[in-house]
Protein backbone atom coordinates (compact mmCIF):
# COMPACT_ATOMS: atom_id res chain seq x y z
CA MET A 1 -25.77 74.43 64.31
CA SER A 2 -22.79 73.87 66.59
CA LEU A 3 -22.30 71.18 69.19
CA LEU A 4 -20.03 71.92 72.13
CA PRO A 5 -17.29 69.33 72.76
CA GLU A 6 -18.75 68.36 76.13
CA GLN A 7 -22.08 67.62 74.44
CA ARG A 8 -20.81 64.65 72.50
CA TYR A 9 -22.55 61.29 72.48
CA PRO A 10 -20.95 58.53 74.57
CA SER A 11 -19.44 55.47 72.94
CA VAL A 12 -20.66 51.96 73.80
CA THR A 13 -17.54 51.46 75.91
CA GLU A 14 -18.34 54.61 77.87
CA LEU A 15 -21.95 53.51 78.32
CA VAL A 16 -20.84 50.18 79.74
CA HIS A 17 -18.31 51.89 82.03
CA SER A 18 -20.98 54.30 83.36
CA ALA A 19 -23.49 51.50 83.84
CA GLY A 20 -20.87 49.50 85.69
CA GLY A 21 -20.30 52.47 87.97
CA LEU A 22 -24.00 52.64 88.80
CA ALA A 23 -24.10 48.91 89.54
CA ALA A 24 -21.02 49.17 91.77
CA HIS A 25 -22.43 52.18 93.63
CA ARG A 26 -25.85 50.60 94.29
CA PRO A 27 -25.20 46.83 94.29
CA GLY A 28 -28.39 46.11 96.19
CA LEU A 29 -30.51 47.66 93.48
CA CYS A 30 -28.44 47.42 90.28
CA THR A 31 -26.96 44.60 88.28
CA LEU A 32 -25.04 44.74 85.01
CA ARG A 33 -24.74 41.53 83.03
CA GLN A 34 -23.80 40.37 79.57
CA ILE A 35 -26.81 38.85 77.87
CA GLY A 36 -25.38 38.01 74.46
CA ALA A 37 -22.90 38.90 71.77
CA SER A 38 -23.03 40.52 68.35
CA ARG A 39 -22.09 38.94 65.05
CA ALA A 40 -18.57 40.29 65.54
CA GLY A 41 -18.41 39.06 69.14
CA ARG A 42 -19.04 42.39 70.87
CA PRO A 43 -20.93 41.95 74.17
CA LEU A 44 -24.50 43.09 74.69
CA HIS A 45 -25.15 44.37 78.22
CA LEU A 46 -28.30 44.74 80.30
CA LEU A 47 -28.45 47.08 83.31
CA SER A 48 -31.28 46.24 85.72
CA VAL A 49 -32.59 48.49 88.50
CA GLY A 50 -35.04 47.15 91.09
CA HIS A 51 -36.48 43.74 91.82
CA ALA A 52 -40.23 44.03 91.18
CA ARG A 53 -41.83 41.44 88.91
CA ARG A 54 -43.57 44.09 86.82
CA SER A 55 -40.97 45.40 84.41
CA VAL A 56 -40.12 48.04 81.82
CA LEU A 57 -37.49 47.32 79.16
CA VAL A 58 -35.67 50.27 77.56
CA VAL A 59 -33.62 49.63 74.41
CA ALA A 60 -30.96 51.99 73.07
CA GLY A 61 -28.80 51.81 69.97
CA ALA A 62 -31.08 49.84 67.67
CA HIS A 63 -30.01 52.22 64.89
CA ALA A 64 -26.36 53.23 64.98
CA ASN A 65 -27.04 56.65 63.45
CA GLU A 66 -29.45 57.61 66.26
CA PRO A 67 -27.06 58.23 69.16
CA THR A 68 -29.22 60.11 71.67
CA GLY A 69 -30.66 56.94 73.18
CA GLY A 70 -27.48 55.94 75.00
CA SER A 71 -27.35 59.24 76.88
CA THR A 72 -31.07 59.03 77.61
CA LEU A 73 -30.76 55.49 78.92
CA LEU A 74 -28.11 56.53 81.46
CA ALA A 75 -30.16 59.54 82.52
CA LEU A 76 -33.19 57.30 83.04
CA ALA A 77 -31.24 54.77 85.08
CA GLU A 78 -29.94 57.53 87.33
CA ARG A 79 -33.44 58.96 87.71
CA VAL A 80 -34.91 55.57 88.64
CA LEU A 81 -32.21 55.20 91.28
CA ARG A 82 -32.97 58.66 92.69
CA GLU A 83 -36.75 58.41 92.67
CA GLN A 84 -37.96 55.47 94.71
CA ARG A 85 -41.53 55.90 93.44
CA LEU A 86 -40.43 54.91 89.92
CA ARG A 87 -39.20 51.52 91.13
CA ALA A 88 -41.73 50.96 93.93
CA ASP A 89 -43.63 48.33 91.95
CA THR A 90 -41.62 48.22 88.73
CA SER A 91 -38.16 46.99 87.82
CA TRP A 92 -36.36 48.79 85.01
CA HIS A 93 -34.07 47.07 82.54
CA PHE A 94 -31.81 48.91 80.10
CA LEU A 95 -30.27 47.29 77.01
CA LEU A 96 -27.27 49.58 76.59
CA CYS A 97 -26.82 49.10 72.85
CA ALA A 98 -28.76 46.69 70.66
CA ASP A 99 -26.25 46.93 67.79
CA PRO A 100 -22.68 47.46 69.01
CA ASP A 101 -21.27 46.45 65.61
CA GLY A 102 -23.25 49.21 63.95
CA ALA A 103 -22.23 51.67 66.65
CA SER A 104 -18.59 50.95 65.86
CA LEU A 105 -19.15 52.06 62.26
CA HIS A 106 -21.12 55.25 62.85
CA VAL A 107 -18.14 57.45 63.66
CA THR A 108 -19.48 60.95 64.32
CA PRO A 109 -20.08 61.10 68.08
CA ALA A 110 -20.04 64.93 68.09
CA PRO A 111 -21.37 66.25 64.77
CA ARG A 112 -21.25 70.03 64.39
CA THR A 113 -23.16 70.15 61.10
CA LEU A 114 -25.28 67.81 59.03
CA LEU A 115 -22.26 67.34 56.79
CA ASP A 116 -20.16 66.17 59.76
CA TYR A 117 -22.96 63.79 60.66
CA HIS A 118 -23.08 62.29 57.18
CA LEU A 119 -19.33 62.02 56.69
CA GLY A 120 -19.29 59.34 59.39
CA PHE A 121 -22.72 57.91 58.65
CA PHE A 122 -23.70 54.25 58.96
CA ARG A 123 -27.07 52.54 59.19
CA PRO A 124 -27.17 48.84 58.33
CA ALA A 125 -29.31 47.24 55.66
CA GLY A 126 -32.74 46.20 56.95
CA PRO A 127 -31.94 42.48 57.38
CA GLU A 128 -29.01 43.45 59.64
CA GLN A 129 -30.99 45.74 61.96
CA PRO A 130 -31.81 44.04 65.29
CA GLU A 131 -35.41 45.25 65.63
CA TRP A 132 -36.30 45.08 61.94
CA SER A 133 -34.75 41.79 60.85
CA PRO A 134 -37.78 39.64 61.83
CA SER A 135 -39.84 41.60 59.28
CA VAL A 136 -37.59 40.57 56.38
CA LEU A 137 -35.87 37.32 57.49
CA PRO A 138 -37.12 33.87 58.50
CA PRO A 139 -36.61 32.90 62.17
CA ASP A 140 -33.65 30.62 61.46
CA ARG A 141 -31.68 33.47 59.85
CA LEU A 142 -32.12 36.14 62.51
CA PRO A 143 -28.87 37.82 63.61
CA PRO A 144 -27.65 37.12 67.17
CA GLU A 145 -28.51 40.66 68.30
CA THR A 146 -32.16 40.04 67.39
CA ARG A 147 -32.22 36.65 69.08
CA THR A 148 -30.78 38.23 72.22
CA LEU A 149 -33.41 40.97 72.24
CA ILE A 150 -36.20 38.44 71.78
CA ARG A 151 -34.78 36.30 74.59
CA VAL A 152 -34.69 39.29 76.95
CA ILE A 153 -38.29 40.22 76.14
CA ASP A 154 -39.35 36.63 76.79
CA GLU A 155 -37.46 36.61 80.10
CA LEU A 156 -38.71 39.96 81.42
CA ARG A 157 -42.23 39.94 79.94
CA PRO A 158 -42.35 43.75 80.14
CA TYR A 159 -45.67 45.54 80.32
CA LEU A 160 -43.85 48.25 78.38
CA GLN A 161 -40.90 48.09 76.03
CA VAL A 162 -39.49 51.48 75.05
CA THR A 163 -37.06 51.75 72.20
CA LEU A 164 -35.12 55.00 71.94
CA HIS A 165 -34.84 56.29 68.40
CA GLY A 166 -34.13 59.62 66.78
CA THR A 167 -34.01 61.56 63.57
CA ASP A 168 -31.25 63.67 62.13
CA LEU A 169 -33.51 66.61 61.24
CA GLY A 170 -37.18 67.14 61.97
CA GLY A 171 -39.30 66.84 65.08
CA SER A 172 -40.24 64.47 67.88
CA TRP A 173 -42.95 61.86 67.70
CA VAL A 174 -43.98 58.59 69.35
CA GLN A 175 -45.02 55.33 67.72
CA LEU A 176 -47.11 52.90 69.79
CA THR A 177 -48.02 49.29 69.11
CA LYS A 178 -51.11 49.89 71.30
CA ASP A 179 -52.54 53.18 72.43
CA ILE A 180 -51.48 54.65 75.77
CA PRO A 181 -54.30 57.00 76.78
CA GLY A 182 -53.02 60.12 78.47
CA LEU A 183 -49.52 60.08 76.93
CA ALA A 184 -50.14 62.81 74.33
CA GLU A 185 -50.51 65.61 76.88
CA PRO A 186 -47.20 65.21 78.79
CA PHE A 187 -45.40 64.48 75.51
CA ALA A 188 -46.62 67.74 73.95
CA LYS A 189 -45.95 69.72 77.13
CA SER A 190 -42.36 68.49 77.31
CA ALA A 191 -41.70 69.26 73.64
CA ALA A 192 -43.10 72.79 74.03
CA GLU A 193 -41.03 73.51 77.14
CA LEU A 194 -37.84 72.43 75.41
CA ASN A 195 -38.61 74.14 72.07
CA ILE A 196 -38.70 70.84 70.17
CA PRO A 197 -41.26 70.66 67.35
CA VAL A 198 -43.75 67.81 67.31
CA GLU A 199 -43.69 65.94 64.01
CA THR A 200 -47.44 65.73 63.50
CA GLY A 201 -47.31 64.15 60.04
CA ALA A 202 -44.35 61.78 60.31
CA SER A 203 -43.82 59.86 57.09
CA ASP A 204 -42.88 56.79 59.17
CA ALA A 205 -46.44 56.77 60.52
CA ALA A 206 -48.32 57.67 57.34
CA GLY A 207 -51.94 56.62 57.58
CA TRP A 208 -51.76 55.55 61.22
CA PRO A 209 -54.38 56.71 63.72
CA ALA A 210 -53.22 59.34 66.21
CA SER A 211 -54.17 59.56 69.86
CA GLY A 212 -52.82 63.10 69.95
CA PRO A 213 -50.44 65.33 67.98
CA GLY A 214 -47.30 63.36 67.24
CA VAL A 215 -48.50 60.21 69.04
CA HIS A 216 -49.23 57.53 66.44
CA VAL A 217 -50.73 54.08 66.98
CA MET A 218 -49.66 51.35 64.57
CA PRO A 219 -52.42 49.61 62.61
CA ALA A 220 -53.22 46.06 63.63
CA PRO A 221 -51.31 43.20 61.98
CA GLY A 222 -52.99 42.17 58.74
CA SER A 223 -54.17 45.62 57.69
CA ASP A 224 -52.86 47.20 54.52
CA THR A 225 -49.75 49.35 54.54
CA VAL A 226 -49.72 52.81 52.98
CA TYR A 227 -46.45 52.19 51.15
CA PRO A 228 -46.61 48.52 50.05
CA SER A 229 -43.17 48.56 48.42
CA MET A 230 -41.39 48.95 51.75
CA PRO A 231 -40.14 45.49 52.74
CA ASP A 232 -39.82 46.03 56.49
CA ASP A 233 -43.24 46.07 58.15
CA ALA A 234 -43.09 47.35 61.73
CA ARG A 235 -45.84 44.93 62.71
CA HIS A 236 -43.42 42.02 62.22
CA SER A 237 -40.59 43.64 64.17
CA THR A 238 -39.46 42.91 67.74
CA TRP A 239 -41.72 45.77 68.81
CA TYR A 240 -44.65 43.33 68.82
CA ARG A 241 -42.94 40.65 70.91
CA ALA A 242 -44.16 42.24 74.15
CA HIS A 243 -47.77 41.65 73.03
CA ARG A 244 -47.32 37.96 73.84
CA TYR A 245 -47.27 38.97 77.52
CA GLY A 246 -49.98 41.62 77.43
CA GLY A 247 -47.48 44.44 76.94
CA LEU A 248 -46.79 47.01 74.26
CA THR A 249 -43.94 48.99 72.75
CA ALA A 250 -43.39 52.74 72.54
CA VAL A 251 -40.86 54.12 70.08
CA VAL A 252 -39.72 57.57 71.19
CA GLU A 253 -38.16 59.70 68.45
CA VAL A 254 -36.24 62.91 69.10
CA PRO A 255 -34.39 65.15 66.61
CA MET A 256 -30.75 66.18 66.64
CA TRP A 257 -31.58 69.21 64.53
CA ALA A 258 -35.11 70.62 64.70
CA SER A 259 -37.30 72.03 61.96
CA ASP A 260 -40.58 73.79 62.56
CA LEU A 261 -41.70 72.82 59.05
CA VAL A 262 -42.72 69.36 60.30
CA ASP A 263 -45.08 70.86 62.90
CA ASP A 264 -47.34 72.80 60.55
CA PRO A 265 -50.96 71.52 60.57
CA ALA A 266 -52.09 73.82 57.75
CA PRO A 267 -53.43 72.08 54.64
CA HIS A 268 -51.00 71.79 51.75
CA PRO A 269 -52.33 73.59 48.65
CA ALA A 270 -51.48 70.72 46.25
CA PRO A 271 -50.37 67.61 48.14
CA ALA A 272 -50.66 65.12 45.26
CA ALA A 273 -48.61 67.34 42.95
CA ALA A 274 -46.04 67.80 45.71
CA MET A 275 -45.73 64.04 46.19
CA ARG A 276 -45.16 63.56 42.46
CA ARG A 277 -42.48 66.24 42.50
CA LEU A 278 -40.77 64.67 45.52
CA ALA A 279 -40.86 61.26 43.82
CA ARG A 280 -39.14 62.67 40.73
CA ARG A 281 -36.44 64.28 42.85
CA LEU A 282 -35.93 61.06 44.82
CA LEU A 283 -35.41 59.09 41.61
CA ARG A 284 -33.08 61.73 40.17
CA ASP A 285 -30.92 61.94 43.28
CA ALA A 286 -30.73 58.18 43.69
CA HIS A 287 -29.77 57.82 40.03
CA GLN A 288 -26.76 60.07 40.58
CA VAL A 289 -25.54 57.81 43.39
CA GLU A 290 -26.37 54.66 41.42
CA THR A 291 -24.29 55.93 38.48
CA VAL A 292 -21.24 56.31 40.72
CA LEU A 293 -21.85 52.90 42.30
CA VAL A 294 -22.13 51.06 38.96
CA ASP A 295 -18.99 52.75 37.67
CA ALA A 296 -16.98 52.00 40.82
CA LEU A 297 -18.05 48.39 41.49
CA PRO A 298 -15.57 46.76 39.08
CA ARG A 299 -12.74 48.53 40.91
CA LEU A 300 -13.76 47.29 44.37
CA ASP A 301 -12.12 44.06 45.50
CA GLY A 302 -13.55 41.43 47.77
CA PRO A 303 -17.05 40.82 49.16
CA ASP A 304 -19.38 43.66 50.06
CA GLY A 305 -18.78 45.07 53.52
CA PRO A 306 -21.54 46.45 55.76
CA LEU A 307 -21.23 50.01 54.37
CA LEU A 308 -21.59 48.89 50.77
CA ARG A 309 -24.42 46.49 51.60
CA ALA A 310 -26.26 49.30 53.37
CA ALA A 311 -25.76 51.76 50.52
CA LYS A 312 -27.06 49.23 47.99
CA TRP A 313 -30.05 48.39 50.18
CA ALA A 314 -31.01 52.05 50.54
CA LEU A 315 -30.85 52.55 46.77
CA GLU A 316 -32.92 49.43 46.14
CA LEU A 317 -35.78 50.95 48.16
CA VAL A 318 -36.03 54.03 45.97
CA PRO A 319 -37.94 52.88 42.82
CA GLY A 320 -40.72 51.23 44.79
CA LEU A 321 -41.06 54.07 47.26
CA ALA A 322 -41.17 56.69 44.52
CA GLY A 323 -43.86 54.65 42.80
CA ASP A 324 -45.87 54.47 46.03
CA TRP A 325 -45.72 58.25 46.38
CA VAL A 326 -47.09 58.70 42.86
CA ARG A 327 -49.75 55.95 42.88
CA THR A 328 -51.05 56.33 46.44
CA PRO A 329 -53.35 59.27 47.20
CA PRO A 330 -51.84 61.27 50.08
CA VAL A 331 -53.14 59.91 53.37
CA ASP A 332 -52.24 63.17 55.08
CA THR A 333 -52.59 66.46 53.22
CA THR A 334 -51.02 68.77 55.79
CA MET A 335 -47.91 70.86 55.29
CA ALA A 336 -46.33 68.85 58.11
CA HIS A 337 -46.74 65.52 56.33
CA VAL A 338 -45.50 66.76 52.97
CA GLY A 339 -42.54 68.31 54.78
CA SER A 340 -41.79 65.00 56.49
CA VAL A 341 -41.91 63.16 53.15
CA ASP A 342 -39.66 65.85 51.67
CA ALA A 343 -37.13 65.22 54.43
CA PHE A 344 -37.27 61.45 53.95
CA GLY A 345 -36.82 61.84 50.22
CA ARG A 346 -33.65 63.85 50.80
CA ARG A 347 -32.41 61.50 53.50
CA LEU A 348 -32.42 58.22 51.58
CA PRO A 349 -30.07 59.05 48.66
CA LEU A 350 -27.92 61.24 50.91
CA ARG A 351 -27.31 58.35 53.28
CA ALA A 352 -26.52 56.00 50.40
CA ALA A 353 -24.07 58.55 48.98
CA ALA A 354 -22.44 59.07 52.37
CA MET A 355 -21.87 55.37 52.98
CA LEU A 356 -20.64 54.79 49.43
CA LEU A 357 -18.27 57.73 49.87
CA ARG A 358 -16.68 56.03 52.88
CA VAL A 359 -16.22 52.83 50.85
CA LEU A 360 -14.57 54.69 47.97
CA GLN A 361 -12.38 56.75 50.29
CA GLU A 362 -11.06 53.53 51.78
CA ALA A 363 -10.31 52.29 48.24
CA ASP A 364 -8.76 55.64 47.23
CA ASP A 365 -11.11 55.64 44.24
CA HIS A 366 -11.14 58.44 41.67
CA ALA A 367 -14.93 58.91 42.10
CA VAL A 368 -14.44 60.29 45.63
CA PRO A 369 -14.60 64.00 44.62
CA ARG A 370 -17.91 63.52 42.85
CA LEU A 371 -19.48 61.90 45.91
CA GLU A 372 -17.93 64.48 48.22
CA HIS A 373 -19.70 67.15 46.20
CA LEU A 374 -23.05 65.34 46.39
CA VAL A 375 -22.84 64.68 50.13
CA GLY A 376 -21.72 68.25 50.83
CA SER A 377 -24.27 70.01 48.64
CA TRP A 378 -27.16 67.78 49.69
CA SER A 379 -26.35 68.17 53.40
CA GLU A 380 -26.23 71.95 53.02
CA ALA A 381 -29.47 72.05 51.01
CA PHE A 382 -31.21 69.80 53.56
CA ALA A 383 -30.25 72.09 56.45
CA GLU A 384 -31.15 75.25 54.53
CA ARG A 385 -34.51 74.00 53.23
CA PHE A 386 -35.67 72.99 56.72
CA ARG A 387 -34.05 75.88 58.58
CA ALA A 388 -32.27 73.38 60.81
CA ARG A 389 -31.43 74.41 64.36
CA TRP A 390 -29.44 72.30 66.79
CA VAL A 391 -31.33 70.82 69.73
CA PRO A 392 -28.99 70.89 72.76
CA LEU A 393 -28.10 67.37 73.80
CA GLU A 394 -29.46 67.93 77.29
CA HIS A 395 -32.82 68.87 75.76
CA GLN A 396 -32.85 65.80 73.53
CA VAL A 397 -32.18 63.63 76.57
CA GLU A 398 -34.62 65.42 78.87
CA HIS A 399 -37.49 65.21 76.41
CA GLN A 400 -36.89 61.55 75.63
CA SER A 401 -36.56 60.74 79.35
CA ARG A 402 -39.74 62.57 80.29
CA THR A 403 -41.65 60.78 77.55
CA VAL A 404 -40.42 57.36 78.68
CA VAL A 405 -41.44 58.03 82.29
CA ALA A 406 -44.86 59.31 81.19
CA ALA A 407 -45.35 56.27 78.95
CA ALA A 408 -44.45 53.93 81.82
CA ARG A 409 -46.88 55.66 84.17
CA HIS A 410 -49.81 55.70 81.77
CA ALA A 411 -49.15 52.21 80.40
CA ARG A 412 -49.08 50.87 83.97
CA ASP A 413 -52.52 52.37 84.54
CA ARG A 414 -53.66 50.78 81.30
CA VAL A 415 -52.74 47.25 82.38
CA ALA A 416 -53.42 47.61 86.12
């Protein structure tokens, strides 16, 4: 599970510099402009290629801990410039990083192991995530990053918005706000060619209809959710903004480390019992982190910073989610789905522990060794349980790029 130095993920500054180089090299086709600013005043940039009225919007960096999207976005922009057919009747617009503040806090641009990845981990609390905040906040409290993204969607009216996401360990899958007939075949072909497993039972898409393996279509607004305790409903996110203009959104997920356990369609021998066991482990692991947090809080001065807010928010999700897993009959009884839930159940307390560890390290707190042990042992167990293997960065980028181009082609046919 090694990552060569030259395979590191670019910083936001490097993304902007590269995008500026493209705009300077092809000024007749490319423009780079600032479209807003973050809560901390960091600029948000949009790179545009082509002049057609029909448009595709590609968003990177919505989650700071999912770094592949920036590299993919640059590769896509270069491909659109090379291939005239891609921009013949479509302009392409690339939001370089939707959350530059978050990107400044996720400090592992070249992780060599899952432990390295978690030692620099940051993912904001739900209300602070640009795409998710509309699902948990009223319109007058949306962060400026969200308002900027909404404004860009309203300006461009894209027939397709693609948001580039990823997972630390697992497989690749696509989430669609409307079906794109024909996408499943090129998606599966690309994954197979690059030895990337398809996450056929993604816990993020539990209970959603599938138009093909790993291609999930979100239920319509107003329908029941499988896990009612989760506060952030995708159907109230910025993903649905494009629907106002007849468009749709595709969320393209790609793993940093792959596991073939999330691509196993065989039936699980006892899915309900497995879900109960995973719920117990989730509660137990979260309790260990919560114990450290409660003990350390009186020693922490000042208001909660973003790391501490995020750790608390992750822990607050646990009781309700564990209850959902116990009370709700499994909507998917495959080995793949139970494996995906297993991974998510490991991920949530591990992330909370990792972010709390960074807070306590900054405070030179005596609880640091205990959290270091948890983060280290849980990262190792996660990798071992799922037989994690590194996906070369160029393969992550190539698969995500191919899927975006295929989605644009088939979605264009859908609305033509």
